[in-house]
Amino acid sequence: MISKFFEIAEGDLLLVNSRISEQLSKDEKYIKQASKLKNCSQNWNTFLCGCSFKRFKKRCYYKVCAKCGKIRVMDLFNKFIGVLKSKRIARSIYDRGLRFITLTIKNQKSLREAKKKIYRDYKRLRNRVYWKEKVKGGVAGFHAKRGKDGLWNAHFHLIVDSGYLDMKSHKKTKEDSKLVQEWKHCTGGDGILDIRRVRSHEGALKYILNYVAGCAFELSDEDKAEFFKTTFHERLFFAFGKKEEGIYGIKSAKKRRVCPDCGCAYQYVFPLSEEYDFAQAYFNSKPPPKDINYWADTGGMV
């Protein structure tokens, strides 16, 4: 799935976003978002720093946008890979370390109901005594797609830092393992659980993040619009556990663009290319002022 991020062309992006935007605009609540999605990368934002003016494409940063989905994945990867690498990988079923878990529920007719149910059941699992004793913390990503029956299949992919987790069914009694019993108890009996070995920190994290952003490729335009409305302003990837363990303590910091040439933080000036050209001609060969208030006093548009 990683390669798909790099295969999307600018023309294809416009076409796909236009189709999704058309579906979103049918709902009056999302007309503004539909317009922003349709115009993704079509306009420019202009910034100034200590040495020059710089332009960046104005993006939507929505989950269903293929280009912006790639940016979101890379940002999250860079944010979490450092702390994950500080945790050792479990080399056997009895070893303490990182493991990969998939939690699934029964397919649902509505994506909203599927999301609501799996988040509720996952919260119940985390509050179970067995889970608290075994799992220190980790990261989790939500993924949803259409099943073969046409219903919504919602599930969580997790990388957990844990001790031994009882996964095998008992040979004599044929009963489910303790962890499977806990998950089925939380889901009302229809839950499915799978545990696999983590082979590399980077590969496991990329796997989850690509599934989180995979809706930009896997779903139809109508389903993408439904996915957008269901997950709008909601986190699909998050950390959990104890703050002292180092994973849960990661918090989102306000991103600041920094010029690689002079090291100054960019300051927003204006969005239009004509004003950008005017600014370049106005300052000519000398660098622009570092104080943005000076630019406002000289008659520029701030």
C-alpha atoms as a PDB file:
ATOM      1  CA  MET A   1       0.000   0.000   0.000  1.00  0.00           C
ATOM      2  CA  ILE A   2       2.948   2.334   0.562  1.00  0.00           C
ATOM      3  CA  SER A   3       3.722   2.505  -3.143  1.00  0.00           C
ATOM      4  CA  LYS A   4       0.242   3.847  -3.879  1.00  0.00           C
ATOM      5  CA  PHE A   5       1.084   7.081  -2.119  1.00  0.00           C
ATOM      6  CA  PHE A   6       3.776   7.793  -4.685  1.00  0.00           C
ATOM      7  CA  GLU A   7       1.796   6.700  -7.732  1.00  0.00           C
ATOM      8  CA  ILE A   8      -0.921   9.351  -7.456  1.00  0.00           C
ATOM      9  CA  ALA A   9      -0.532  12.050 -10.138  1.00  0.00           C
ATOM     10  CA  GLU A  10      -1.680  15.652  -9.801  1.00  0.00           C
ATOM     11  CA  GLY A  11      -4.347  15.226 -12.471  1.00  0.00           C
ATOM     12  CA  ASP A  12      -5.677  12.063 -10.839  1.00  0.00           C
ATOM     13  CA  LEU A  13      -5.762  13.842  -7.478  1.00  0.00           C
ATOM     14  CA  LEU A  14      -7.948  16.622  -8.870  1.00  0.00           C
ATOM     15  CA  LEU A  15     -10.303  14.142 -10.501  1.00  0.00           C
ATOM     16  CA  VAL A  16     -10.673  11.936  -7.409  1.00  0.00           C
ATOM     17  CA  ASN A  17     -11.102  14.870  -5.020  1.00  0.00           C
ATOM     18  CA  SER A  18     -13.658  16.414  -7.356  1.00  0.00           C
ATOM     19  CA  ARG A  19     -15.763  13.238  -7.312  1.00  0.00           C
ATOM     20  CA  ILE A  20     -15.590  12.961  -3.519  1.00  0.00           C
ATOM     21  CA  SER A  21     -16.415  16.657  -3.210  1.00  0.00           C
ATOM     22  CA  GLU A  22     -19.495  16.143  -5.356  1.00  0.00           C
ATOM     23  CA  GLN A  23     -20.723  13.447  -2.968  1.00  0.00           C
ATOM     24  CA  LEU A  24     -19.969  15.589   0.108  1.00  0.00           C
ATOM     25  CA  SER A  25     -21.741  18.662  -1.276  1.00  0.00           C
ATOM     26  CA  LYS A  26     -25.036  16.742  -1.268  1.00  0.00           C
ATOM     27  CA  ASP A  27     -25.052  17.303   2.496  1.00  0.00           C
ATOM     28  CA  GLU A  28     -25.460  21.006   3.340  1.00  0.00           C
ATOM     29  CA  LYS A  29     -23.395  20.582   6.522  1.00  0.00           C
ATOM     30  CA  TYR A  30     -20.260  19.756   4.530  1.00  0.00           C
ATOM     31  CA  ILE A  31     -20.407  22.220   1.617  1.00  0.00           C
ATOM     32  CA  LYS A  32     -17.457  24.202   2.993  1.00  0.00           C
ATOM     33  CA  GLN A  33     -15.363  21.053   3.454  1.00  0.00           C
ATOM     34  CA  ALA A  34     -16.315  19.832  -0.030  1.00  0.00           C
ATOM     35  CA  SER A  35     -15.016  23.073  -1.547  1.00  0.00           C
ATOM     36  CA  LYS A  36     -11.766  22.850   0.436  1.00  0.00           C
ATOM     37  CA  LEU A  37     -11.221  19.270  -0.697  1.00  0.00           C
ATOM     38  CA  LYS A  38     -11.918  20.121  -4.340  1.00  0.00           C
ATOM     39  CA  ASN A  39      -9.443  23.028  -4.303  1.00  0.00           C
ATOM     40  CA  CYS A  40      -6.671  21.133  -2.513  1.00  0.00           C
ATOM     41  CA  SER A  41      -3.244  22.133  -3.906  1.00  0.00           C
ATOM     42  CA  GLN A  42      -4.815  24.631  -6.335  1.00  0.00           C
ATOM     43  CA  ASN A  43      -3.917  27.786  -4.393  1.00  0.00           C
ATOM     44  CA  TRP A  44      -0.782  29.055  -2.695  1.00  0.00           C
ATOM     45  CA  ASN A  45       0.067  30.389   0.736  1.00  0.00           C
ATOM     46  CA  THR A  46       2.943  32.866   0.899  1.00  0.00           C
ATOM     47  CA  PHE A  47       5.253  33.117   3.900  1.00  0.00           C
ATOM     48  CA  LEU A  48       8.240  35.296   4.715  1.00  0.00           C
ATOM     49  CA  CYS A  49      11.325  34.520   6.730  1.00  0.00           C
ATOM     50  CA  GLY A  50      14.642  36.254   7.336  1.00  0.00           C
ATOM     51  CA  CYS A  51      16.004  35.704   3.843  1.00  0.00           C
ATOM     52  CA  SER A  52      13.183  35.451   1.281  1.00  0.00           C
ATOM     53  CA  PHE A  53       9.545  34.806   0.459  1.00  0.00           C
ATOM     54  CA  LYS A  54       8.431  31.178   0.153  1.00  0.00           C
ATOM     55  CA  ARG A  55       5.292  29.673  -1.343  1.00  0.00           C
ATOM     56  CA  PHE A  56       3.591  26.458  -0.281  1.00  0.00           C
ATOM     57  CA  LYS A  57       0.574  24.761  -1.789  1.00  0.00           C
ATOM     58  CA  LYS A  58      -2.612  25.241   0.199  1.00  0.00           C
ATOM     59  CA  ARG A  59      -3.753  21.753   1.183  1.00  0.00           C
ATOM     60  CA  CYS A  60      -6.906  20.389   2.811  1.00  0.00           C
ATOM     61  CA  TYR A  61      -5.186  17.806   5.105  1.00  0.00           C
ATOM     62  CA  TYR A  62      -8.313  15.617   5.008  1.00  0.00           C
ATOM     63  CA  LYS A  63      -8.113  11.865   5.557  1.00  0.00           C
ATOM     64  CA  VAL A  64      -9.786  11.001   2.232  1.00  0.00           C
ATOM     65  CA  CYS A  65      -7.333  13.072   0.177  1.00  0.00           C
ATOM     66  CA  ALA A  66      -4.606  10.847  -1.289  1.00  0.00           C
ATOM     67  CA  LYS A  67      -1.869  13.501  -1.233  1.00  0.00           C
ATOM     68  CA  CYS A  68      -2.728  14.833   2.210  1.00  0.00           C
ATOM     69  CA  GLY A  69      -3.113  11.276   3.503  1.00  0.00           C
ATOM     70  CA  LYS A  70       0.525  10.706   2.607  1.00  0.00           C
ATOM     71  CA  ILE A  71       1.551  13.844   4.519  1.00  0.00           C
ATOM     72  CA  ARG A  72      -0.461  12.764   7.580  1.00  0.00           C
ATOM     73  CA  VAL A  73       1.182   9.327   7.520  1.00  0.00           C
ATOM     74  CA  MET A  74       4.700  10.739   7.339  1.00  0.00           C
ATOM     75  CA  ASP A  75       4.007  13.221  10.153  1.00  0.00           C
ATOM     76  CA  LEU A  76       2.669  10.475  12.436  1.00  0.00           C
ATOM     77  CA  PHE A  77       5.511   8.134  11.509  1.00  0.00           C
ATOM     78  CA  ASN A  78       8.153  10.713  12.403  1.00  0.00           C
ATOM     79  CA  LYS A  79       6.313  11.495  15.626  1.00  0.00           C
ATOM     80  CA  PHE A  80       6.098   7.931  16.972  1.00  0.00           C
ATOM     81  CA  ILE A  81       8.986   5.964  15.457  1.00  0.00           C
ATOM     82  CA  GLY A  82      11.528   7.300  17.958  1.00  0.00           C
ATOM     83  CA  VAL A  83       9.681   6.172  21.071  1.00  0.00           C
ATOM     84  CA  LEU A  84       8.736   2.815  19.504  1.00  0.00           C
ATOM     85  CA  LYS A  85      12.384   2.096  18.726  1.00  0.00           C
ATOM     86  CA  SER A  86      13.154   2.561  22.414  1.00  0.00           C
ATOM     87  CA  LYS A  87      10.985  -0.529  23.115  1.00  0.00           C
ATOM     88  CA  ARG A  88      12.324  -4.006  22.458  1.00  0.00           C
ATOM     89  CA  ILE A  89      10.504  -6.471  20.203  1.00  0.00           C
ATOM     90  CA  ALA A  90       9.212  -9.703  21.782  1.00  0.00           C
ATOM     91  CA  ARG A  91      11.224 -12.596  20.305  1.00  0.00           C
ATOM     92  CA  SER A  92       8.981 -15.381  21.621  1.00  0.00           C
ATOM     93  CA  ILE A  93       5.426 -15.794  22.908  1.00  0.00           C
ATOM     94  CA  TYR A  94       6.727 -15.718  26.495  1.00  0.00           C
ATOM     95  CA  ASP A  95       9.036 -12.736  26.013  1.00  0.00           C
ATOM     96  CA  ARG A  96       8.088  -9.195  27.077  1.00  0.00           C
ATOM     97  CA  GLY A  97       8.101  -6.637  24.292  1.00  0.00           C
ATOM     98  CA  LEU A  98       6.192  -5.304  21.292  1.00  0.00           C
ATOM     99  CA  ARG A  99       3.433  -7.391  19.706  1.00  0.00           C
ATOM    100  CA  PHE A 100       0.967  -6.787  16.873  1.00  0.00           C
ATOM    101  CA  ILE A 101      -2.746  -7.265  17.630  1.00  0.00           C
ATOM    102  CA  THR A 102      -5.826  -6.979  15.411  1.00  0.00           C
ATOM    103  CA  LEU A 103      -9.256  -6.527  17.033  1.00  0.00           C
ATOM    104  CA  THR A 104     -12.320  -7.102  14.856  1.00  0.00           C
ATOM    105  CA  ILE A 105     -16.081  -7.031  15.399  1.00  0.00           C
ATOM    106  CA  LYS A 106     -19.032  -8.334  13.423  1.00  0.00           C
ATOM    107  CA  ASN A 107     -19.734  -6.420  10.205  1.00  0.00           C
ATOM    108  CA  GLN A 108     -22.263  -3.605  10.534  1.00  0.00           C
ATOM    109  CA  LYS A 109     -24.685  -1.928   8.119  1.00  0.00           C
ATOM    110  CA  SER A 110     -23.704   1.591   9.181  1.00  0.00           C
ATOM    111  CA  LEU A 111     -20.124   2.862   9.373  1.00  0.00           C
ATOM    112  CA  ARG A 112     -21.103   5.196  12.199  1.00  0.00           C
ATOM    113  CA  GLU A 113     -22.515   2.318  14.233  1.00  0.00           C
ATOM    114  CA  ALA A 114     -19.485   0.127  13.459  1.00  0.00           C
ATOM    115  CA  LYS A 115     -17.091   2.840  14.603  1.00  0.00           C
ATOM    116  CA  LYS A 116     -19.118   3.578  17.728  1.00  0.00           C
ATOM    117  CA  LYS A 117     -19.276  -0.107  18.676  1.00  0.00           C
ATOM    118  CA  ILE A 118     -15.598  -0.971  18.202  1.00  0.00           C
ATOM    119  CA  TYR A 119     -14.424   2.143  20.067  1.00  0.00           C
ATOM    120  CA  ARG A 120     -16.782   1.282  22.944  1.00  0.00           C
ATOM    121  CA  ASP A 121     -15.695  -2.372  23.021  1.00  0.00           C
ATOM    122  CA  TYR A 122     -12.020  -1.432  22.824  1.00  0.00           C
ATOM    123  CA  LYS A 123     -12.452   0.922  25.785  1.00  0.00           C
ATOM    124  CA  ARG A 124     -14.044  -1.909  27.753  1.00  0.00           C
ATOM    125  CA  LEU A 125     -11.114  -4.196  26.931  1.00  0.00           C
ATOM    126  CA  ARG A 126      -8.606  -1.659  28.172  1.00  0.00           C
ATOM    127  CA  ASN A 127     -10.474  -1.473  31.487  1.00  0.00           C
ATOM    128  CA  ARG A 128     -10.350  -5.247  32.021  1.00  0.00           C
ATOM    129  CA  VAL A 129      -8.015  -6.462  34.799  1.00  0.00           C
ATOM    130  CA  TYR A 130      -6.276  -8.981  32.519  1.00  0.00           C
ATOM    131  CA  TRP A 131      -5.414  -6.271  29.956  1.00  0.00           C
ATOM    132  CA  LYS A 132      -4.146  -3.854  32.614  1.00  0.00           C
ATOM    133  CA  GLU A 133      -1.899  -6.538  34.108  1.00  0.00           C
ATOM    134  CA  LYS A 134      -0.398  -7.624  30.791  1.00  0.00           C
ATOM    135  CA  VAL A 135      -0.250  -4.499  28.594  1.00  0.00           C
ATOM    136  CA  LYS A 136       1.824  -1.421  29.474  1.00  0.00           C
ATOM    137  CA  GLY A 137       0.878   0.745  26.500  1.00  0.00           C
ATOM    138  CA  GLY A 138       1.101   1.101  22.749  1.00  0.00           C
ATOM    139  CA  VAL A 139      -0.416   2.689  19.663  1.00  0.00           C
ATOM    140  CA  ALA A 140      -3.649   1.885  17.833  1.00  0.00           C
ATOM    141  CA  GLY A 141      -5.123   2.708  14.440  1.00  0.00           C
ATOM    142  CA  PHE A 142      -8.733   2.462  13.224  1.00  0.00           C
ATOM    143  CA  HIS A 143      -9.495   0.950   9.822  1.00  0.00           C
ATOM    144  CA  ALA A 144     -12.789   0.362   8.024  1.00  0.00           C
ATOM    145  CA  LYS A 145     -13.638  -1.154   4.655  1.00  0.00           C
ATOM    146  CA  ARG A 146     -16.478  -2.905   2.879  1.00  0.00           C
ATOM    147  CA  GLY A 147     -16.642  -6.646   3.519  1.00  0.00           C
ATOM    148  CA  LYS A 148     -17.567  -9.278   0.937  1.00  0.00           C
ATOM    149  CA  ASP A 149     -21.132  -9.122   2.255  1.00  0.00           C
ATOM    150  CA  GLY A 150     -21.293  -5.381   1.482  1.00  0.00           C
ATOM    151  CA  LEU A 151     -21.331  -4.416   5.165  1.00  0.00           C
ATOM    152  CA  TRP A 152     -18.775  -2.286   6.992  1.00  0.00           C
ATOM    153  CA  ASN A 153     -15.864  -4.190   8.502  1.00  0.00           C
ATOM    154  CA  ALA A 154     -14.301  -2.106  11.296  1.00  0.00           C
ATOM    155  CA  HIS A 155     -11.198  -3.146  13.208  1.00  0.00           C
ATOM    156  CA  PHE A 156      -8.240  -1.895  15.207  1.00  0.00           C
ATOM    157  CA  HIS A 157      -4.573  -2.586  14.518  1.00  0.00           C
ATOM    158  CA  LEU A 158      -2.389  -2.216  17.610  1.00  0.00           C
ATOM    159  CA  ILE A 159       1.274  -2.351  18.538  1.00  0.00           C
ATOM    160  CA  VAL A 160       1.357  -3.170  22.255  1.00  0.00           C
ATOM    161  CA  ASP A 161       4.177  -3.389  24.781  1.00  0.00           C
ATOM    162  CA  SER A 162       3.168  -6.416  26.835  1.00  0.00           C
ATOM    163  CA  GLY A 163       4.169  -9.620  28.563  1.00  0.00           C
ATOM    164  CA  TYR A 164       2.897 -13.075  27.614  1.00  0.00           C
ATOM    165  CA  LEU A 165      -0.651 -12.986  26.211  1.00  0.00           C
ATOM    166  CA  ASP A 166      -2.685 -16.197  26.363  1.00  0.00           C
ATOM    167  CA  MET A 167      -3.805 -16.685  22.756  1.00  0.00           C
ATOM    168  CA  LYS A 168      -4.002 -20.438  22.161  1.00  0.00           C
ATOM    169  CA  SER A 169      -7.233 -22.357  22.783  1.00  0.00           C
ATOM    170  CA  HIS A 170      -7.122 -25.015  25.477  1.00  0.00           C
ATOM    171  CA  LYS A 171      -6.684 -28.491  23.980  1.00  0.00           C
ATOM    172  CA  LYS A 172      -8.677 -30.430  26.586  1.00  0.00           C
ATOM    173  CA  THR A 173     -11.615 -28.124  27.221  1.00  0.00           C
ATOM    174  CA  LYS A 174     -11.646 -26.571  23.687  1.00  0.00           C
ATOM    175  CA  GLU A 175     -12.321 -23.245  25.349  1.00  0.00           C
ATOM    176  CA  ASP A 176     -11.030 -19.957  24.051  1.00  0.00           C
ATOM    177  CA  SER A 177      -7.859 -18.489  25.506  1.00  0.00           C
ATOM    178  CA  LYS A 178      -8.090 -15.886  28.259  1.00  0.00           C
ATOM    179  CA  LEU A 179      -7.445 -12.922  25.958  1.00  0.00           C
ATOM    180  CA  VAL A 180      -9.992 -14.104  23.377  1.00  0.00           C
ATOM    181  CA  GLN A 181     -12.544 -14.595  26.163  1.00  0.00           C
ATOM    182  CA  GLU A 182     -11.931 -11.030  27.367  1.00  0.00           C
ATOM    183  CA  TRP A 183     -12.453  -9.582  23.878  1.00  0.00           C
ATOM    184  CA  LYS A 184     -15.578 -11.668  23.231  1.00  0.00           C
ATOM    185  CA  HIS A 185     -16.960 -10.563  26.595  1.00  0.00           C
ATOM    186  CA  CYS A 186     -16.450  -6.916  25.603  1.00  0.00           C
ATOM    187  CA  THR A 187     -18.034  -7.350  22.154  1.00  0.00           C
ATOM    188  CA  GLY A 188     -20.982  -9.514  23.182  1.00  0.00           C
ATOM    189  CA  GLY A 189     -19.531 -12.692  21.706  1.00  0.00           C
ATOM    190  CA  ASP A 190     -18.878 -11.599  18.100  1.00  0.00           C
ATOM    191  CA  GLY A 191     -15.292 -10.367  18.452  1.00  0.00           C
ATOM    192  CA  ILE A 192     -12.273 -11.811  16.630  1.00  0.00           C
ATOM    193  CA  LEU A 193      -8.704 -11.336  17.850  1.00  0.00           C
ATOM    194  CA  ASP A 194      -5.350 -12.071  16.244  1.00  0.00           C
ATOM    195  CA  ILE A 195      -1.774 -11.675  17.573  1.00  0.00           C
ATOM    196  CA  ARG A 196       1.324 -11.658  15.403  1.00  0.00           C
ATOM    197  CA  ARG A 197       5.014 -11.090  15.808  1.00  0.00           C
ATOM    198  CA  VAL A 198       6.516  -7.654  15.145  1.00  0.00           C
ATOM    199  CA  ARG A 199       9.463  -8.081  12.783  1.00  0.00           C
ATOM    200  CA  SER A 200      10.617  -4.446  12.705  1.00  0.00           C
ATOM    201  CA  HIS A 201       9.585  -1.185  14.362  1.00  0.00           C
ATOM    202  CA  GLU A 202       9.361   0.691  11.063  1.00  0.00           C
ATOM    203  CA  GLY A 203       7.433  -2.020   9.240  1.00  0.00           C
ATOM    204  CA  ALA A 204       4.801  -2.439  11.975  1.00  0.00           C
ATOM    205  CA  LEU A 205       4.199   1.318  12.309  1.00  0.00           C
ATOM    206  CA  LYS A 206       4.008   1.836   8.535  1.00  0.00           C
ATOM    207  CA  TYR A 207       1.568  -1.067   8.271  1.00  0.00           C
ATOM    208  CA  ILE A 208      -0.878   0.541  10.712  1.00  0.00           C
ATOM    209  CA  LEU A 209      -0.512   4.060   9.329  1.00  0.00           C
ATOM    210  CA  ASN A 210      -1.057   2.923   5.748  1.00  0.00           C
ATOM    211  CA  TYR A 211      -4.260   1.208   6.811  1.00  0.00           C
ATOM    212  CA  VAL A 212      -5.373   4.378   8.600  1.00  0.00           C
ATOM    213  CA  ALA A 213      -4.849   6.348   5.376  1.00  0.00           C
ATOM    214  CA  GLY A 214      -5.943   3.481   3.125  1.00  0.00           C
ATOM    215  CA  CYS A 215      -9.491   4.782   2.825  1.00  0.00           C
ATOM    216  CA  ALA A 216      -8.162   7.180   0.174  1.00  0.00           C
ATOM    217  CA  PHE A 217      -7.655   4.212  -2.160  1.00  0.00           C
ATOM    218  CA  GLU A 218      -9.842   1.298  -1.077  1.00  0.00           C
ATOM    219  CA  LEU A 219     -13.300   2.864  -0.895  1.00  0.00           C
ATOM    220  CA  SER A 220     -15.677   4.093  -3.578  1.00  0.00           C
ATOM    221  CA  ASP A 221     -16.337   7.825  -3.876  1.00  0.00           C
ATOM    222  CA  GLU A 222     -19.667   7.484  -2.076  1.00  0.00           C
ATOM    223  CA  ASP A 223     -18.079   5.457   0.731  1.00  0.00           C
ATOM    224  CA  LYS A 224     -15.233   7.970   1.025  1.00  0.00           C
ATOM    225  CA  ALA A 225     -17.789  10.729   1.575  1.00  0.00           C
ATOM    226  CA  GLU A 226     -19.461   8.642   4.286  1.00  0.00           C
ATOM    227  CA  PHE A 227     -16.073   7.888   5.843  1.00  0.00           C
ATOM    228  CA  PHE A 228     -15.241  11.604   5.840  1.00  0.00           C
ATOM    229  CA  LYS A 229     -18.470  12.572   7.608  1.00  0.00           C
ATOM    230  CA  THR A 230     -18.140   9.760  10.161  1.00  0.00           C
ATOM    231  CA  THR A 231     -14.523  10.471  11.102  1.00  0.00           C
ATOM    232  CA  PHE A 232     -14.439  14.267  10.653  1.00  0.00           C
ATOM    233  CA  HIS A 233     -12.473  15.913  13.511  1.00  0.00           C
ATOM    234  CA  GLU A 234     -11.830  12.514  15.138  1.00  0.00           C
ATOM    235  CA  ARG A 235      -8.525  10.762  15.744  1.00  0.00           C
ATOM    236  CA  LEU A 236      -8.018   7.452  13.971  1.00  0.00           C
ATOM    237  CA  PHE A 237      -4.506   6.883  15.316  1.00  0.00           C
ATOM    238  CA  PHE A 238      -3.569   7.365  18.960  1.00  0.00           C
ATOM    239  CA  ALA A 239      -1.293   6.232  21.786  1.00  0.00           C
ATOM    240  CA  PHE A 240      -2.439   4.661  25.055  1.00  0.00           C
ATOM    241  CA  GLY A 241      -0.974   3.416  28.335  1.00  0.00           C
ATOM    242  CA  LYS A 242       0.877   4.909  31.265  1.00  0.00           C
ATOM    243  CA  LYS A 243       2.553   8.274  30.861  1.00  0.00           C
ATOM    244  CA  GLU A 244       5.750   7.096  32.530  1.00  0.00           C
ATOM    245  CA  GLU A 245       6.131   4.353  29.928  1.00  0.00           C
ATOM    246  CA  GLY A 246       6.929   6.962  27.290  1.00  0.00           C
ATOM    247  CA  ILE A 247       4.362   6.128  24.589  1.00  0.00           C
ATOM    248  CA  TYR A 248       1.198   7.631  26.022  1.00  0.00           C
ATOM    249  CA  GLY A 249       3.095  10.792  26.979  1.00  0.00           C
ATOM    250  CA  ILE A 250       3.527  11.886  23.343  1.00  0.00           C
ATOM    251  CA  LYS A 251       1.449  14.987  22.681  1.00  0.00           C
ATOM    252  CA  SER A 252       0.841  16.888  19.481  1.00  0.00           C
ATOM    253  CA  ALA A 253       2.879  20.071  19.299  1.00  0.00           C
ATOM    254  CA  LYS A 254       1.949  23.020  17.131  1.00  0.00           C
ATOM    255  CA  LYS A 255       3.871  22.644  13.896  1.00  0.00           C
ATOM    256  CA  ARG A 256       6.055  25.555  12.814  1.00  0.00           C
ATOM    257  CA  ARG A 257       7.584  25.844   9.383  1.00  0.00           C
ATOM    258  CA  VAL A 258      11.266  26.746   9.595  1.00  0.00           C
ATOM    259  CA  CYS A 259      13.371  28.011   6.703  1.00  0.00           C
ATOM    260  CA  PRO A 260      16.240  25.587   6.016  1.00  0.00           C
ATOM    261  CA  ASP A 261      18.452  28.469   4.808  1.00  0.00           C
ATOM    262  CA  CYS A 262      18.223  31.030   7.629  1.00  0.00           C
ATOM    263  CA  GLY A 263      16.568  28.992  10.399  1.00  0.00           C
ATOM    264  CA  CYS A 264      13.803  31.566  10.976  1.00  0.00           C
ATOM    265  CA  ALA A 265      10.191  30.504  11.483  1.00  0.00           C
ATOM    266  CA  TYR A 266       7.953  31.356   8.539  1.00  0.00           C
ATOM    267  CA  GLN A 267       5.283  34.008   9.057  1.00  0.00           C
ATOM    268  CA  TYR A 268       2.087  33.930   7.017  1.00  0.00           C
ATOM    269  CA  VAL A 269       1.670  36.900   4.657  1.00  0.00           C
ATOM    270  CA  PHE A 270      -0.951  36.317   1.967  1.00  0.00           C
ATOM    271  CA  PRO A 271      -2.441  33.557  -0.209  1.00  0.00           C
ATOM    272  CA  LEU A 272      -2.380  34.982  -3.756  1.00  0.00           C
ATOM    273  CA  SER A 273       0.394  34.494  -6.310  1.00  0.00           C
ATOM    274  CA  GLU A 274      -0.025  38.038  -7.715  1.00  0.00           C
ATOM    275  CA  GLU A 275       0.773  39.524  -4.308  1.00  0.00           C
ATOM    276  CA  TYR A 276       3.721  37.168  -4.017  1.00  0.00           C
ATOM    277  CA  ASP A 277       5.127  38.485  -7.331  1.00  0.00           C
ATOM    278  CA  PHE A 278       4.541  42.052  -6.174  1.00  0.00           C
ATOM    279  CA  ALA A 279       6.446  41.370  -2.969  1.00  0.00           C
ATOM    280  CA  GLN A 280       9.394  39.899  -4.838  1.00  0.00           C
ATOM    281  CA  ALA A 281       9.594  42.988  -7.036  1.00  0.00           C
ATOM    282  CA  TYR A 282       9.084  45.355  -4.085  1.00  0.00           C
ATOM    283  CA  PHE A 283      12.002  44.029  -2.069  1.00  0.00           C
ATOM    284  CA  ASN A 284      14.056  43.269  -5.199  1.00  0.00           C
ATOM    285  CA  SER A 285      17.531  42.113  -4.182  1.00  0.00           C
ATOM    286  CA  LYS A 286      17.470  42.903  -0.473  1.00  0.00           C
ATOM    287  CA  PRO A 287      15.923  40.392   1.987  1.00  0.00           C
ATOM    288  CA  PRO A 288      12.492  41.170   3.469  1.00  0.00           C
ATOM    289  CA  PRO A 289      12.199  42.451   7.056  1.00  0.00           C
ATOM    290  CA  LYS A 290      11.979  39.898   9.871  1.00  0.00           C
ATOM    291  CA  ASP A 291       9.281  41.922  11.613  1.00  0.00           C
ATOM    292  CA  ILE A 292       5.949  41.249   9.943  1.00  0.00           C
ATOM    293  CA  ASN A 293       4.529  44.500  11.381  1.00  0.00           C
ATOM    294  CA  TYR A 294       7.001  46.434   9.237  1.00  0.00           C
ATOM    295  CA  TRP A 295       5.584  44.721   6.166  1.00  0.00           C
ATOM    296  CA  ALA A 296       2.075  45.793   7.216  1.00  0.00           C
ATOM    297  CA  ASP A 297       3.186  49.427   7.705  1.00  0.00           C
ATOM    298  CA  THR A 298       4.670  49.560   4.195  1.00  0.00           C
ATOM    299  CA  GLY A 299       1.289  48.867   2.638  1.00  0.00           C
ATOM    300  CA  GLY A 300       1.567  45.115   2.067  1.00  0.00           C
ATOM    301  CA  MET A 301      -1.385  42.834   2.571  1.00  0.00           C
ATOM    302  CA  VAL A 302      -1.153  40.893   5.814  1.00  0.00           C
END
